[in-house]
Amino acid sequence: MRRRVKPRRKDRPSEDRKYNRAFRRCRIVVEHAIGRWRRFRAVAHVNRHRRHGHAMRVRAIAGLVNRMLDHRSVP
């Protein structure tokens, strides 16, 4: 999925505007999710131990992020 570019010296078609609006809404969700992941040092820094324990670390961080989202949504 890629953003549509306006043709030179022409107005942008209305279907392009609708597509770009939908693209922006989808993209911001993904960007925020990546931002939440990067808050954790285990993901943000270089992995010095190669792949050893990587899957376990990713699952643990995913659990923490999901827990944070669950607690945030409760009024």
Protein backbone atom coordinates (compact mmCIF):
# COMPACT_ATOMS: atom_id res chain seq x y z
CA MET A 1 0.00 0.00 0.00
CA ARG A 2 1.57 3.26 -1.07
CA ARG A 3 0.47 6.87 -0.98
CA ARG A 4 -0.71 8.29 -4.28
CA VAL A 5 1.13 11.34 -5.66
CA LYS A 6 -0.57 14.36 -7.24
CA PRO A 7 -0.05 14.76 -10.99
CA ARG A 8 1.98 17.82 -12.03
CA ARG A 9 0.00 20.99 -12.71
CA LYS A 10 -3.32 19.22 -12.12
CA ASP A 11 -5.72 18.95 -9.23
CA ARG A 12 -5.68 15.79 -7.19
CA PRO A 13 -8.61 13.49 -8.06
CA SER A 14 -11.16 12.94 -5.30
CA GLU A 15 -10.54 9.16 -5.24
CA ASP A 16 -6.86 9.87 -4.54
CA ARG A 17 -7.83 12.07 -1.60
CA LYS A 18 -10.06 9.33 -0.20
CA TYR A 19 -7.33 6.72 -0.68
CA ASN A 20 -4.69 8.91 0.98
CA ARG A 21 -6.99 9.63 3.92
CA ALA A 22 -7.54 5.90 4.47
CA PHE A 23 -3.80 5.28 4.08
CA ARG A 24 -2.98 7.91 6.72
CA ARG A 25 -5.44 6.39 9.19
CA CYS A 26 -3.93 2.95 8.74
CA ARG A 27 -0.36 4.22 8.89
CA ILE A 28 -0.75 6.17 12.14
CA VAL A 29 -1.89 3.01 13.93
CA VAL A 30 1.23 1.18 12.76
CA GLU A 31 3.52 4.11 13.61
CA HIS A 32 2.13 4.33 17.15
CA ALA A 33 2.56 0.58 17.63
CA ILE A 34 6.21 0.80 16.55
CA GLY A 35 6.70 3.71 18.93
CA ARG A 36 5.31 1.73 21.84
CA TRP A 37 7.72 -1.12 21.06
CA ARG A 38 10.72 1.19 20.89
CA ARG A 39 10.13 2.45 24.42
CA PHE A 40 11.65 -0.78 25.66
CA ARG A 41 15.44 -0.89 25.68
CA ALA A 42 15.53 -4.57 24.79
CA VAL A 43 14.11 -3.75 21.36
CA ALA A 44 15.72 -0.34 20.82
CA HIS A 45 19.34 -1.37 21.45
CA VAL A 46 21.64 -3.72 19.60
CA ASN A 47 21.14 -7.37 20.46
CA ARG A 48 24.54 -8.54 21.72
CA HIS A 49 23.52 -12.16 22.19
CA ARG A 50 22.53 -12.84 18.59
CA ARG A 51 19.24 -14.72 18.41
CA HIS A 52 19.48 -16.45 21.76
CA GLY A 53 16.27 -15.62 23.67
CA HIS A 54 15.05 -13.15 21.05
CA ALA A 55 11.62 -14.75 20.58
CA MET A 56 11.08 -14.88 24.33
CA ARG A 57 12.06 -11.23 24.66
CA VAL A 58 9.71 -10.17 21.87
CA ARG A 59 6.80 -12.09 23.41
CA ALA A 60 7.47 -10.52 26.81
CA ILE A 61 7.52 -7.01 25.37
CA ALA A 62 4.36 -7.70 23.34
CA GLY A 63 2.66 -8.80 26.56
CA LEU A 64 3.76 -5.62 28.33
CA VAL A 65 2.54 -3.41 25.50
CA ASN A 66 -0.81 -5.22 25.36
CA ARG A 67 -1.18 -4.94 29.13
CA MET A 68 -0.42 -1.23 28.96
CA LEU A 69 -3.09 -0.79 26.28
CA ASP A 70 -5.66 -2.83 28.23
CA HIS A 71 -5.17 -0.78 31.40
CA ARG A 72 -5.22 2.50 29.52
CA SER A 73 -8.58 1.83 27.87
CA VAL A 74 -10.40 1.09 31.15
CA PRO A 75 -12.09 4.28 32.47
